[in-house]
Structure formats: C-alpha cells, structure tokens
Amino acid sequence: MDFKIVIPALIAFVISTALGPFVIPFLRKLKFSQTERVDGVESHLKKTGTPTMGGVIFLIAIVVTSLFYMKDYPKIIPVVILTFGFGVIGFLDDYLKVVLRRSDGLLAWQKFSLQLIITAIYTFYLMKFTDVSLTMRIPFWSGHELNLGWLAVPLLFFAVLGTVNGVNLTDGLDGLAATVTLVVAVFFVVVSISLGAGVEPLAAAVAGGLMGFLLYNVHPAQVFMGDTGSLALGGFVAGMAYMMQMPLFILIIGVIYLVETLSVMIQVSYFKITHGKRIFKMAPIHHHFEKSGWKETKIVGVFSIITTVACLIALLAL
C-alpha cells in the first residue's frame, strides 16, 4: 500500500521541489513572464513580471515518476499520454504568448485541432490496449452503469475538452488550480485503491508534484503554472476519470471547474444579449469574488474546501 501511494508521491514531491530553484530563475532570465490585464483586478498588476510556464516543474516530476511505474501499472500510460500531450499544447500556447508576444498564443483552430488529436490518441489507446469500458458508473446508483453505445466516444471528447477548459479557467489566482486539483488527485488515489483500478501511483505522483509546486505557487506566487500546467492538469483529471469509468463524477468532484466555466459562459451570453451589461463584476467567478473584496488566500481556501466536500460526496455516490 505505502509503495503504491507514498513512494510515488514522495518522488514527485522531491523532483518538483528540487526543480523550482533552477526552473524559476531560468524562466525569469528568459523573460517568460506574465503580463496582467490593465482592466482586470487592480491588485494583480503587481504580478506583472512573475515567471509563467511553471507547469513544467510538476509536469516533469509527474512524467519522470510515472516512468518507474508504467511496467507494473500499464493503465497509467494513457493518462500520462493525455496529461503530457495537453501539457505540450499548453507549452506551445504559452511560448507564443509570452516569448513571441503573440497575444492570443495558438490560434483557436490550432489549439482545438491539437486537442482533438491528443484526445483521439488517448481514446485509441484506451479502446485498443486496455480492458477499460466506456460504460459509466452512475453516481448514487451503485452497481449500475450507463451504456451509450457509439455515443460514448463523442461524449468522451466533449468531457475531456470541457474538463481541460474548466481547469484552465480555474488557473487565475495564486495556488488556486494547483490546490483544487491536489484535492481531486487525492480523491483519485482513494478511489483507485478501493476499485482496484491500478492507476493510484499516477494520482499519487500528481498530488506529490503539486505539493512541491505549491511551495513556489502559493500567494504571493514566485511562479505561475501557465497553460502548460493547467491544460496538463485538465488532461489528468479527465483521463483518470475515464480509467475508472467515472466521467459523470467529474460534475461532482470538479464542481469548481464547472462553476468557473459556467460563469464565463453566462457572463459572455448576458453581455451580448444586453449589449454591454454584466452579471458578475468579472469572470471567471474567482475574479468576481476578488472584486467583491475577498483576498486571494480566502478564495483559494473556500474553493478548496468546496472541492474537498464535493469529493467526500462523490465517495458516498460510489
């Protein structure tokens, strides 16, 4: 038990912690730094110049740790593919935005096409080289599964891309996406062990890697994860959920990702319908709370508690 959980978590934590003092100055030297919106949250202006693309810290820690476990736990391979693949897409996006000063990074069609390709590779591996079924466990209805037939594949693409987008939107405050996803990773460790899913070393590695990264990412952050980190984490969450036939549970454990995404959709739709009026002071919703007077640390704390409670509910729903 300890070998499957504690060891990979410790390995990833040590690697992530050790990389920080080397990667952060390197990113700063290369001027891989964040530019804050002038019309955004005023307190964020002082963050201008903070290195971004720091997601490479925990991404390297996760991938290196996983290499030790792939032989004995082959089911972690497709999740590593999805996590690393989306991390590479995020890296390209960050590089174009930060280094080449292309404000939008990858063009929308380029990003979407790359995401489809990575998701397709994951789906092919899942269906061809594992015995994992695309039937889904139904929350609060133990022993029953939902079989959508051929519709399961397009739903998988929708779930993966939606989750990745949700995690990406959650990454807007010091430590927010990392802390929320750390809680989700611990949830996956517990569930993988209880179900015998065989992916707990990867979930433990993600938890360990994020703990190491948070040493440099908690407020005030020395480094931001950038799209490199947030897209990789989105791939991890979606990939793990499917390995345990739990995509429907993402709606519970990923309630923060869901609310962040809905807040943007509602804000944009309302703005267009009313020709300029807003429901929230700023979207995603964590910025609304900031503009309402909440401190970053309070928002991160509250959102993490909500995620913890949601994960406990999801355990009951199993």
C-alpha atoms as a PDB file:
ATOM      1  CA  MET A   1       0.000   0.000   0.000  1.00  0.00           C
ATOM      2  CA  ASP A   2       2.676   2.507   1.011  1.00  0.00           C
ATOM      3  CA  PHE A   3       4.731   1.584  -2.051  1.00  0.00           C
ATOM      4  CA  LYS A   4       1.818   2.361  -4.362  1.00  0.00           C
ATOM      5  CA  ILE A   5       0.973   5.704  -2.759  1.00  0.00           C
ATOM      6  CA  VAL A   6       3.650   7.186  -0.522  1.00  0.00           C
ATOM      7  CA  ILE A   7       6.692   6.414  -2.676  1.00  0.00           C
ATOM      8  CA  PRO A   8       5.437   7.965  -5.965  1.00  0.00           C
ATOM      9  CA  ALA A   9       4.085  10.959  -4.063  1.00  0.00           C
ATOM     10  CA  LEU A  10       7.455  11.477  -2.355  1.00  0.00           C
ATOM     11  CA  ILE A  11       9.440  11.008  -5.571  1.00  0.00           C
ATOM     12  CA  ALA A  12       7.306  13.575  -7.436  1.00  0.00           C
ATOM     13  CA  PHE A  13       7.396  15.957  -4.467  1.00  0.00           C
ATOM     14  CA  VAL A  14      11.194  15.814  -4.250  1.00  0.00           C
ATOM     15  CA  ILE A  15      11.638  16.294  -8.014  1.00  0.00           C
ATOM     16  CA  SER A  16       9.148  19.181  -8.110  1.00  0.00           C
ATOM     17  CA  THR A  17      10.685  20.869  -5.065  1.00  0.00           C
ATOM     18  CA  ALA A  18      14.219  20.420  -6.396  1.00  0.00           C
ATOM     19  CA  LEU A  19      13.351  21.805  -9.848  1.00  0.00           C
ATOM     20  CA  GLY A  20      11.869  25.052  -8.503  1.00  0.00           C
ATOM     21  CA  PRO A  21      15.127  26.864  -7.628  1.00  0.00           C
ATOM     22  CA  PHE A  22      16.513  26.045 -11.084  1.00  0.00           C
ATOM     23  CA  VAL A  23      13.454  26.451 -13.320  1.00  0.00           C
ATOM     24  CA  ILE A  24      12.095  29.697 -11.839  1.00  0.00           C
ATOM     25  CA  PRO A  25      15.306  31.771 -12.283  1.00  0.00           C
ATOM     26  CA  PHE A  26      15.699  30.210 -15.750  1.00  0.00           C
ATOM     27  CA  LEU A  27      12.183  31.312 -16.762  1.00  0.00           C
ATOM     28  CA  ARG A  28      12.852  34.756 -15.313  1.00  0.00           C
ATOM     29  CA  LYS A  29      16.125  35.010 -17.205  1.00  0.00           C
ATOM     30  CA  LEU A  30      14.413  34.098 -20.463  1.00  0.00           C
ATOM     31  CA  LYS A  31      11.711  36.685 -19.672  1.00  0.00           C
ATOM     32  CA  PHE A  32       8.961  34.046 -19.684  1.00  0.00           C
ATOM     33  CA  SER A  33       6.890  36.417 -17.570  1.00  0.00           C
ATOM     34  CA  GLN A  34       3.221  37.131 -17.015  1.00  0.00           C
ATOM     35  CA  THR A  35       1.524  40.281 -18.313  1.00  0.00           C
ATOM     36  CA  GLU A  36      -1.569  41.283 -16.353  1.00  0.00           C
ATOM     37  CA  ARG A  37      -4.646  42.938 -17.859  1.00  0.00           C
ATOM     38  CA  VAL A  38      -4.878  46.664 -17.135  1.00  0.00           C
ATOM     39  CA  ASP A  39      -8.684  46.372 -16.961  1.00  0.00           C
ATOM     40  CA  GLY A  40      -8.539  43.354 -14.654  1.00  0.00           C
ATOM     41  CA  VAL A  41      -8.194  43.071 -10.890  1.00  0.00           C
ATOM     42  CA  GLU A  42      -6.082  46.010  -9.730  1.00  0.00           C
ATOM     43  CA  SER A  43      -4.082  44.005  -7.189  1.00  0.00           C
ATOM     44  CA  HIS A  44      -2.881  41.723  -9.996  1.00  0.00           C
ATOM     45  CA  LEU A  45      -0.883  44.495 -11.673  1.00  0.00           C
ATOM     46  CA  LYS A  46       1.956  43.920  -9.206  1.00  0.00           C
ATOM     47  CA  LYS A  47       2.182  40.342 -10.533  1.00  0.00           C
ATOM     48  CA  THR A  48       3.409  41.589 -13.903  1.00  0.00           C
ATOM     49  CA  GLY A  49       6.834  40.108 -14.499  1.00  0.00           C
ATOM     50  CA  THR A  50       6.236  36.948 -12.449  1.00  0.00           C
ATOM     51  CA  PRO A  51       7.552  33.955 -14.438  1.00  0.00           C
ATOM     52  CA  THR A  52       4.915  31.755 -16.057  1.00  0.00           C
ATOM     53  CA  MET A  53       5.096  28.329 -17.747  1.00  0.00           C
ATOM     54  CA  GLY A  54       5.994  26.939 -14.304  1.00  0.00           C
ATOM     55  CA  GLY A  55       3.755  23.956 -15.002  1.00  0.00           C
ATOM     56  CA  VAL A  56       6.861  22.321 -16.474  1.00  0.00           C
ATOM     57  CA  ILE A  57       8.022  21.839 -12.864  1.00  0.00           C
ATOM     58  CA  PHE A  58       5.292  19.414 -11.823  1.00  0.00           C
ATOM     59  CA  LEU A  59       4.818  18.041 -15.349  1.00  0.00           C
ATOM     60  CA  ILE A  60       8.431  16.820 -15.397  1.00  0.00           C
ATOM     61  CA  ALA A  61       8.021  15.444 -11.870  1.00  0.00           C
ATOM     62  CA  ILE A  62       4.854  13.547 -12.848  1.00  0.00           C
ATOM     63  CA  VAL A  63       6.241  12.075 -16.076  1.00  0.00           C
ATOM     64  CA  VAL A  64       9.596  11.044 -14.554  1.00  0.00           C
ATOM     65  CA  THR A  65       7.872   9.415 -11.558  1.00  0.00           C
ATOM     66  CA  SER A  66       5.431   7.612 -13.862  1.00  0.00           C
ATOM     67  CA  LEU A  67       8.304   6.006 -15.772  1.00  0.00           C
ATOM     68  CA  PHE A  68       9.109   3.936 -12.665  1.00  0.00           C
ATOM     69  CA  TYR A  69       5.563   2.547 -12.525  1.00  0.00           C
ATOM     70  CA  MET A  70       4.488   2.048 -16.158  1.00  0.00           C
ATOM     71  CA  LYS A  71       5.687  -1.560 -16.301  1.00  0.00           C
ATOM     72  CA  ASP A  72       3.756  -2.701 -13.217  1.00  0.00           C
ATOM     73  CA  TYR A  73       0.826  -0.309 -13.728  1.00  0.00           C
ATOM     74  CA  PRO A  74       0.257  -0.138 -17.519  1.00  0.00           C
ATOM     75  CA  LYS A  75      -3.118   1.567 -17.098  1.00  0.00           C
ATOM     76  CA  ILE A  76      -1.380   4.796 -16.160  1.00  0.00           C
ATOM     77  CA  ILE A  77       0.116   5.034 -19.687  1.00  0.00           C
ATOM     78  CA  PRO A  78      -2.937   6.509 -21.479  1.00  0.00           C
ATOM     79  CA  VAL A  79      -3.421   9.066 -18.689  1.00  0.00           C
ATOM     80  CA  VAL A  80       0.234  10.082 -18.921  1.00  0.00           C
ATOM     81  CA  ILE A  81      -0.231  10.462 -22.697  1.00  0.00           C
ATOM     82  CA  LEU A  82      -3.226  12.741 -22.168  1.00  0.00           C
ATOM     83  CA  THR A  83      -1.575  14.728 -19.372  1.00  0.00           C
ATOM     84  CA  PHE A  84       1.730  15.201 -21.192  1.00  0.00           C
ATOM     85  CA  GLY A  85       0.028  15.822 -24.549  1.00  0.00           C
ATOM     86  CA  PHE A  86      -2.124  18.640 -23.223  1.00  0.00           C
ATOM     87  CA  GLY A  87       0.890  19.976 -21.336  1.00  0.00           C
ATOM     88  CA  VAL A  88       2.781  20.255 -24.637  1.00  0.00           C
ATOM     89  CA  ILE A  89      -0.156  22.112 -26.215  1.00  0.00           C
ATOM     90  CA  GLY A  90      -0.171  24.481 -23.242  1.00  0.00           C
ATOM     91  CA  PHE A  91       3.601  24.958 -23.559  1.00  0.00           C
ATOM     92  CA  LEU A  92       3.253  25.922 -27.227  1.00  0.00           C
ATOM     93  CA  ASP A  93       0.446  28.333 -26.354  1.00  0.00           C
ATOM     94  CA  ASP A  94       2.475  29.910 -23.532  1.00  0.00           C
ATOM     95  CA  TYR A  95       5.585  30.144 -25.692  1.00  0.00           C
ATOM     96  CA  LEU A  96       3.761  32.001 -28.455  1.00  0.00           C
ATOM     97  CA  LYS A  97       2.079  34.366 -25.987  1.00  0.00           C
ATOM     98  CA  VAL A  98       4.981  35.060 -23.679  1.00  0.00           C
ATOM     99  CA  VAL A  99       8.099  34.710 -25.817  1.00  0.00           C
ATOM    100  CA  LEU A 100       6.924  35.622 -29.295  1.00  0.00           C
ATOM    101  CA  ARG A 101       4.448  38.183 -27.891  1.00  0.00           C
ATOM    102  CA  ARG A 102       1.558  36.817 -29.954  1.00  0.00           C
ATOM    103  CA  SER A 103      -1.288  37.945 -27.683  1.00  0.00           C
ATOM    104  CA  ASP A 104      -3.626  35.047 -28.470  1.00  0.00           C
ATOM    105  CA  GLY A 105      -0.969  32.334 -28.463  1.00  0.00           C
ATOM    106  CA  LEU A 106      -2.101  29.423 -30.592  1.00  0.00           C
ATOM    107  CA  LEU A 107      -4.960  30.347 -32.894  1.00  0.00           C
ATOM    108  CA  ALA A 108      -8.299  28.875 -31.792  1.00  0.00           C
ATOM    109  CA  TRP A 109      -8.403  26.339 -34.629  1.00  0.00           C
ATOM    110  CA  GLN A 110      -4.796  25.310 -33.995  1.00  0.00           C
ATOM    111  CA  LYS A 111      -5.385  24.716 -30.293  1.00  0.00           C
ATOM    112  CA  PHE A 112      -8.662  22.884 -30.917  1.00  0.00           C
ATOM    113  CA  SER A 113      -7.108  20.673 -33.621  1.00  0.00           C
ATOM    114  CA  LEU A 114      -4.184  19.711 -31.391  1.00  0.00           C
ATOM    115  CA  GLN A 115      -6.546  18.944 -28.503  1.00  0.00           C
ATOM    116  CA  LEU A 116      -8.639  16.707 -30.769  1.00  0.00           C
ATOM    117  CA  ILE A 117      -5.506  14.837 -31.893  1.00  0.00           C
ATOM    118  CA  ILE A 118      -4.272  14.210 -28.330  1.00  0.00           C
ATOM    119  CA  THR A 119      -7.755  13.124 -27.212  1.00  0.00           C
ATOM    120  CA  ALA A 120      -8.006  10.790 -30.215  1.00  0.00           C
ATOM    121  CA  ILE A 121      -4.664   9.161 -29.331  1.00  0.00           C
ATOM    122  CA  TYR A 122      -5.870   8.672 -25.741  1.00  0.00           C
ATOM    123  CA  THR A 123      -9.191   7.205 -26.939  1.00  0.00           C
ATOM    124  CA  PHE A 124      -7.463   4.839 -29.368  1.00  0.00           C
ATOM    125  CA  TYR A 125      -5.084   3.603 -26.662  1.00  0.00           C
ATOM    126  CA  LEU A 126      -7.931   3.233 -24.163  1.00  0.00           C
ATOM    127  CA  MET A 127     -10.052   1.129 -26.529  1.00  0.00           C
ATOM    128  CA  LYS A 128      -7.248  -0.851 -28.184  1.00  0.00           C
ATOM    129  CA  PHE A 129      -4.765  -1.597 -25.407  1.00  0.00           C
ATOM    130  CA  THR A 130      -6.784  -1.626 -22.167  1.00  0.00           C
ATOM    131  CA  ASP A 131      -9.797  -3.530 -20.908  1.00  0.00           C
ATOM    132  CA  VAL A 132     -11.447  -0.337 -19.626  1.00  0.00           C
ATOM    133  CA  SER A 133     -15.030   0.003 -20.802  1.00  0.00           C
ATOM    134  CA  LEU A 134     -16.640   3.282 -21.894  1.00  0.00           C
ATOM    135  CA  THR A 135     -19.727   2.421 -19.855  1.00  0.00           C
ATOM    136  CA  MET A 136     -20.040   4.901 -16.998  1.00  0.00           C
ATOM    137  CA  ARG A 137     -20.706   4.451 -13.307  1.00  0.00           C
ATOM    138  CA  ILE A 138     -23.846   6.298 -12.248  1.00  0.00           C
ATOM    139  CA  PRO A 139     -23.477   8.454  -9.116  1.00  0.00           C
ATOM    140  CA  PHE A 140     -25.689   7.389  -6.178  1.00  0.00           C
ATOM    141  CA  TRP A 141     -26.791   4.232  -8.033  1.00  0.00           C
ATOM    142  CA  SER A 142     -24.234   1.623  -7.067  1.00  0.00           C
ATOM    143  CA  GLY A 143     -23.883  -1.385  -9.347  1.00  0.00           C
ATOM    144  CA  HIS A 144     -25.499   0.360 -12.308  1.00  0.00           C
ATOM    145  CA  GLU A 145     -23.708   1.677 -15.380  1.00  0.00           C
ATOM    146  CA  LEU A 146     -24.746   3.868 -18.285  1.00  0.00           C
ATOM    147  CA  ASN A 147     -24.029   2.418 -21.720  1.00  0.00           C
ATOM    148  CA  LEU A 148     -24.377   4.960 -24.528  1.00  0.00           C
ATOM    149  CA  GLY A 149     -23.054   2.713 -27.280  1.00  0.00           C
ATOM    150  CA  TRP A 150     -21.309   4.631 -30.060  1.00  0.00           C
ATOM    151  CA  LEU A 151     -22.293   7.942 -28.436  1.00  0.00           C
ATOM    152  CA  ALA A 152     -19.775   7.207 -25.679  1.00  0.00           C
ATOM    153  CA  VAL A 153     -16.881   8.254 -27.941  1.00  0.00           C
ATOM    154  CA  PRO A 154     -18.128  11.764 -28.832  1.00  0.00           C
ATOM    155  CA  LEU A 155     -19.087  12.189 -25.166  1.00  0.00           C
ATOM    156  CA  LEU A 156     -15.522  11.297 -24.198  1.00  0.00           C
ATOM    157  CA  PHE A 157     -14.187  14.042 -26.472  1.00  0.00           C
ATOM    158  CA  PHE A 158     -16.689  16.521 -25.014  1.00  0.00           C
ATOM    159  CA  ALA A 159     -15.836  15.519 -21.432  1.00  0.00           C
ATOM    160  CA  VAL A 160     -12.075  15.744 -21.970  1.00  0.00           C
ATOM    161  CA  LEU A 161     -12.146  19.104 -23.772  1.00  0.00           C
ATOM    162  CA  GLY A 162     -14.701  20.519 -21.322  1.00  0.00           C
ATOM    163  CA  THR A 163     -12.686  19.444 -18.282  1.00  0.00           C
ATOM    164  CA  VAL A 164      -9.443  20.806 -19.709  1.00  0.00           C
ATOM    165  CA  ASN A 165     -11.126  24.143 -20.438  1.00  0.00           C
ATOM    166  CA  GLY A 166     -12.591  24.242 -16.917  1.00  0.00           C
ATOM    167  CA  VAL A 167      -9.231  23.653 -15.219  1.00  0.00           C
ATOM    168  CA  ASN A 168      -7.656  26.249 -17.498  1.00  0.00           C
ATOM    169  CA  LEU A 169     -10.226  28.858 -16.424  1.00  0.00           C
ATOM    170  CA  THR A 170      -9.665  27.975 -12.761  1.00  0.00           C
ATOM    171  CA  ASP A 171      -6.000  28.933 -13.058  1.00  0.00           C
ATOM    172  CA  GLY A 172      -6.277  32.632 -12.244  1.00  0.00           C
ATOM    173  CA  LEU A 173      -5.163  33.057  -8.636  1.00  0.00           C
ATOM    174  CA  ASP A 174      -2.014  32.081  -6.755  1.00  0.00           C
ATOM    175  CA  GLY A 175      -2.321  28.397  -5.891  1.00  0.00           C
ATOM    176  CA  LEU A 176      -5.977  28.015  -6.921  1.00  0.00           C
ATOM    177  CA  ALA A 177      -5.838  25.450  -9.740  1.00  0.00           C
ATOM    178  CA  ALA A 178      -2.982  23.566  -8.054  1.00  0.00           C
ATOM    179  CA  THR A 179      -4.725  23.293  -4.667  1.00  0.00           C
ATOM    180  CA  VAL A 180      -8.133  22.322  -6.067  1.00  0.00           C
ATOM    181  CA  THR A 181      -6.570  19.689  -8.345  1.00  0.00           C
ATOM    182  CA  LEU A 182      -4.412  18.393  -5.482  1.00  0.00           C
ATOM    183  CA  VAL A 183      -7.623  17.564  -3.607  1.00  0.00           C
ATOM    184  CA  VAL A 184      -9.027  15.858  -6.732  1.00  0.00           C
ATOM    185  CA  ALA A 185      -5.802  13.850  -7.137  1.00  0.00           C
ATOM    186  CA  VAL A 186      -6.065  12.572  -3.553  1.00  0.00           C
ATOM    187  CA  PHE A 187      -9.667  11.567  -4.296  1.00  0.00           C
ATOM    188  CA  PHE A 188      -8.454   9.560  -7.305  1.00  0.00           C
ATOM    189  CA  VAL A 189      -5.842   7.816  -5.135  1.00  0.00           C
ATOM    190  CA  VAL A 190      -8.513   6.671  -2.673  1.00  0.00           C
ATOM    191  CA  VAL A 191     -10.954   5.559  -5.377  1.00  0.00           C
ATOM    192  CA  SER A 192      -8.341   3.763  -7.484  1.00  0.00           C
ATOM    193  CA  ILE A 193      -7.291   1.699  -4.454  1.00  0.00           C
ATOM    194  CA  SER A 194     -10.878   0.893  -3.464  1.00  0.00           C
ATOM    195  CA  LEU A 195     -11.852  -0.112  -7.005  1.00  0.00           C
ATOM    196  CA  GLY A 196      -8.565  -1.827  -7.836  1.00  0.00           C
ATOM    197  CA  ALA A 197      -8.249   0.385 -10.911  1.00  0.00           C
ATOM    198  CA  GLY A 198      -4.458   0.268 -10.945  1.00  0.00           C
ATOM    199  CA  VAL A 199      -3.810   3.965 -11.554  1.00  0.00           C
ATOM    200  CA  GLU A 200      -3.123   5.130  -7.998  1.00  0.00           C
ATOM    201  CA  PRO A 201       0.659   5.626  -8.491  1.00  0.00           C
ATOM    202  CA  LEU A 202      -0.025   8.320 -11.093  1.00  0.00           C
ATOM    203  CA  ALA A 203      -2.640  10.058  -8.940  1.00  0.00           C
ATOM    204  CA  ALA A 204      -0.192   9.999  -6.018  1.00  0.00           C
ATOM    205  CA  ALA A 205       2.568  11.391  -8.256  1.00  0.00           C
ATOM    206  CA  VAL A 206       0.315  14.268  -9.331  1.00  0.00           C
ATOM    207  CA  ALA A 207      -0.513  15.012  -5.683  1.00  0.00           C
ATOM    208  CA  GLY A 208       3.184  14.971  -4.767  1.00  0.00           C
ATOM    209  CA  GLY A 209       4.197  17.062  -7.767  1.00  0.00           C
ATOM    210  CA  LEU A 210       1.569  19.676  -6.984  1.00  0.00           C
ATOM    211  CA  MET A 211       2.606  19.853  -3.331  1.00  0.00           C
ATOM    212  CA  GLY A 212       6.160  20.596  -4.437  1.00  0.00           C
ATOM    213  CA  PHE A 213       4.954  23.186  -6.954  1.00  0.00           C
ATOM    214  CA  LEU A 214       2.746  24.893  -4.362  1.00  0.00           C
ATOM    215  CA  LEU A 215       5.848  25.758  -2.343  1.00  0.00           C
ATOM    216  CA  TYR A 216       6.507  28.298  -5.100  1.00  0.00           C
ATOM    217  CA  ASN A 217       2.946  28.979  -6.230  1.00  0.00           C
ATOM    218  CA  VAL A 218       1.090  29.905  -3.028  1.00  0.00           C
ATOM    219  CA  HIS A 219       0.389  33.608  -2.512  1.00  0.00           C
ATOM    220  CA  PRO A 220       2.457  35.591  -3.274  1.00  0.00           C
ATOM    221  CA  ALA A 221       3.436  33.307  -6.142  1.00  0.00           C
ATOM    222  CA  GLN A 222       7.029  33.114  -7.321  1.00  0.00           C
ATOM    223  CA  VAL A 223       5.867  31.377 -10.488  1.00  0.00           C
ATOM    224  CA  PHE A 224       2.605  30.689 -12.351  1.00  0.00           C
ATOM    225  CA  MET A 225       1.794  27.340 -13.969  1.00  0.00           C
ATOM    226  CA  GLY A 226       0.565  28.894 -17.219  1.00  0.00           C
ATOM    227  CA  ASP A 227      -1.372  26.913 -19.815  1.00  0.00           C
ATOM    228  CA  THR A 228       1.483  24.391 -19.670  1.00  0.00           C
ATOM    229  CA  GLY A 229       0.290  23.362 -16.231  1.00  0.00           C
ATOM    230  CA  SER A 230      -3.455  23.986 -16.371  1.00  0.00           C
ATOM    231  CA  LEU A 231      -4.039  22.083 -19.625  1.00  0.00           C
ATOM    232  CA  ALA A 232      -1.912  19.184 -18.351  1.00  0.00           C
ATOM    233  CA  LEU A 233      -3.950  19.021 -15.125  1.00  0.00           C
ATOM    234  CA  GLY A 234      -7.175  19.091 -17.117  1.00  0.00           C
ATOM    235  CA  GLY A 235      -5.940  16.141 -19.145  1.00  0.00           C
ATOM    236  CA  PHE A 236      -5.030  14.306 -15.946  1.00  0.00           C
ATOM    237  CA  VAL A 237      -8.469  14.811 -14.347  1.00  0.00           C
ATOM    238  CA  ALA A 238     -10.383  13.713 -17.450  1.00  0.00           C
ATOM    239  CA  GLY A 239      -8.025  10.827 -18.178  1.00  0.00           C
ATOM    240  CA  MET A 240      -8.193   9.451 -14.650  1.00  0.00           C
ATOM    241  CA  ALA A 241     -11.980   9.720 -14.546  1.00  0.00           C
ATOM    242  CA  TYR A 242     -12.313   7.593 -17.684  1.00  0.00           C
ATOM    243  CA  MET A 243      -9.834   4.982 -16.466  1.00  0.00           C
ATOM    244  CA  MET A 244     -12.202   4.383 -13.534  1.00  0.00           C
ATOM    245  CA  GLN A 245     -15.382   4.736 -15.635  1.00  0.00           C
ATOM    246  CA  MET A 246     -16.262   7.892 -13.698  1.00  0.00           C
ATOM    247  CA  PRO A 247     -16.735  10.744 -16.206  1.00  0.00           C
ATOM    248  CA  LEU A 248     -20.120  11.570 -14.646  1.00  0.00           C
ATOM    249  CA  PHE A 249     -18.349  12.101 -11.324  1.00  0.00           C
ATOM    250  CA  ILE A 250     -16.362  14.993 -12.835  1.00  0.00           C
ATOM    251  CA  LEU A 251     -19.534  17.060 -12.415  1.00  0.00           C
ATOM    252  CA  ILE A 252     -19.247  16.460  -8.655  1.00  0.00           C
ATOM    253  CA  ILE A 253     -15.512  16.477  -7.890  1.00  0.00           C
ATOM    254  CA  GLY A 254     -14.901  19.169 -10.491  1.00  0.00           C
ATOM    255  CA  VAL A 255     -17.667  21.459  -9.259  1.00  0.00           C
ATOM    256  CA  ILE A 256     -15.227  24.394  -9.117  1.00  0.00           C
ATOM    257  CA  TYR A 257     -14.105  23.783 -12.716  1.00  0.00           C
ATOM    258  CA  LEU A 258     -17.779  23.598 -13.712  1.00  0.00           C
ATOM    259  CA  VAL A 259     -18.773  26.807 -11.921  1.00  0.00           C
ATOM    260  CA  GLU A 260     -15.767  28.671 -13.349  1.00  0.00           C
ATOM    261  CA  THR A 261     -16.745  27.600 -16.878  1.00  0.00           C
ATOM    262  CA  LEU A 262     -20.442  28.408 -16.409  1.00  0.00           C
ATOM    263  CA  SER A 263     -19.608  31.853 -15.006  1.00  0.00           C
ATOM    264  CA  VAL A 264     -17.736  32.734 -18.200  1.00  0.00           C
ATOM    265  CA  MET A 265     -20.483  31.351 -20.444  1.00  0.00           C
ATOM    266  CA  ILE A 266     -23.197  33.218 -18.512  1.00  0.00           C
ATOM    267  CA  GLN A 267     -21.179  36.444 -18.461  1.00  0.00           C
ATOM    268  CA  VAL A 268     -20.450  36.395 -22.203  1.00  0.00           C
ATOM    269  CA  SER A 269     -24.023  35.443 -23.154  1.00  0.00           C
ATOM    270  CA  TYR A 270     -25.599  38.070 -20.890  1.00  0.00           C
ATOM    271  CA  PHE A 271     -23.150  40.713 -22.143  1.00  0.00           C
ATOM    272  CA  LYS A 272     -24.144  40.024 -25.754  1.00  0.00           C
ATOM    273  CA  ILE A 273     -27.878  39.828 -25.072  1.00  0.00           C
ATOM    274  CA  THR A 274     -27.995  43.049 -23.028  1.00  0.00           C
ATOM    275  CA  HIS A 275     -25.436  44.876 -25.210  1.00  0.00           C
ATOM    276  CA  GLY A 276     -22.861  45.514 -22.512  1.00  0.00           C
ATOM    277  CA  LYS A 277     -24.358  44.631 -19.123  1.00  0.00           C
ATOM    278  CA  ARG A 278     -22.687  42.142 -16.779  1.00  0.00           C
ATOM    279  CA  ILE A 279     -23.969  39.705 -14.163  1.00  0.00           C
ATOM    280  CA  PHE A 280     -20.599  39.256 -12.459  1.00  0.00           C
ATOM    281  CA  LYS A 281     -18.137  42.030 -11.697  1.00  0.00           C
ATOM    282  CA  MET A 282     -15.609  39.960 -13.640  1.00  0.00           C
ATOM    283  CA  ALA A 283     -15.398  36.410 -14.966  1.00  0.00           C
ATOM    284  CA  PRO A 284     -14.256  33.702 -14.264  1.00  0.00           C
ATOM    285  CA  ILE A 285     -16.070  33.838 -10.947  1.00  0.00           C
ATOM    286  CA  HIS A 286     -12.946  33.864  -8.731  1.00  0.00           C
ATOM    287  CA  HIS A 287     -12.276  37.371 -10.072  1.00  0.00           C
ATOM    288  CA  HIS A 288     -15.840  38.387  -9.127  1.00  0.00           C
ATOM    289  CA  PHE A 289     -15.085  37.486  -5.509  1.00  0.00           C
ATOM    290  CA  GLU A 290     -11.795  39.374  -5.689  1.00  0.00           C
ATOM    291  CA  LYS A 291     -13.568  42.494  -6.908  1.00  0.00           C
ATOM    292  CA  SER A 292     -16.093  41.966  -4.091  1.00  0.00           C
ATOM    293  CA  GLY A 293     -13.283  42.337  -1.559  1.00  0.00           C
ATOM    294  CA  TRP A 294     -12.190  38.743  -0.918  1.00  0.00           C
ATOM    295  CA  LYS A 295      -8.457  38.084  -0.516  1.00  0.00           C
ATOM    296  CA  GLU A 296      -6.833  35.599  -2.878  1.00  0.00           C
ATOM    297  CA  THR A 297      -5.975  33.293   0.014  1.00  0.00           C
ATOM    298  CA  LYS A 298      -9.617  33.260   1.178  1.00  0.00           C
ATOM    299  CA  ILE A 299     -10.900  32.363  -2.292  1.00  0.00           C
ATOM    300  CA  VAL A 300      -8.353  29.554  -2.648  1.00  0.00           C
ATOM    301  CA  GLY A 301      -9.248  28.268   0.818  1.00  0.00           C
ATOM    302  CA  VAL A 302     -13.011  28.354   0.231  1.00  0.00           C
ATOM    303  CA  PHE A 303     -12.789  26.791  -3.239  1.00  0.00           C
ATOM    304  CA  SER A 304     -10.526  24.027  -1.881  1.00  0.00           C
ATOM    305  CA  ILE A 305     -12.939  23.292   0.974  1.00  0.00           C
ATOM    306  CA  ILE A 306     -15.829  23.128  -1.503  1.00  0.00           C
ATOM    307  CA  THR A 307     -13.813  20.663  -3.622  1.00  0.00           C
ATOM    308  CA  THR A 308     -12.993  18.555  -0.551  1.00  0.00           C
ATOM    309  CA  VAL A 309     -16.671  18.367   0.431  1.00  0.00           C
ATOM    310  CA  ALA A 310     -17.589  17.553  -3.183  1.00  0.00           C
ATOM    311  CA  CYS A 311     -15.054  14.713  -3.222  1.00  0.00           C
ATOM    312  CA  LEU A 312     -16.498  13.324   0.030  1.00  0.00           C
ATOM    313  CA  ILE A 313     -19.964  13.435  -1.572  1.00  0.00           C
ATOM    314  CA  ALA A 314     -18.549  11.658  -4.646  1.00  0.00           C
ATOM    315  CA  LEU A 315     -17.185   8.900  -2.382  1.00  0.00           C
ATOM    316  CA  LEU A 316     -20.695   8.444  -0.995  1.00  0.00           C
ATOM    317  CA  ALA A 317     -22.027   8.458  -4.578  1.00  0.00           C
ATOM    318  CA  LEU A 318     -19.886   5.420  -5.408  1.00  0.00           C
END
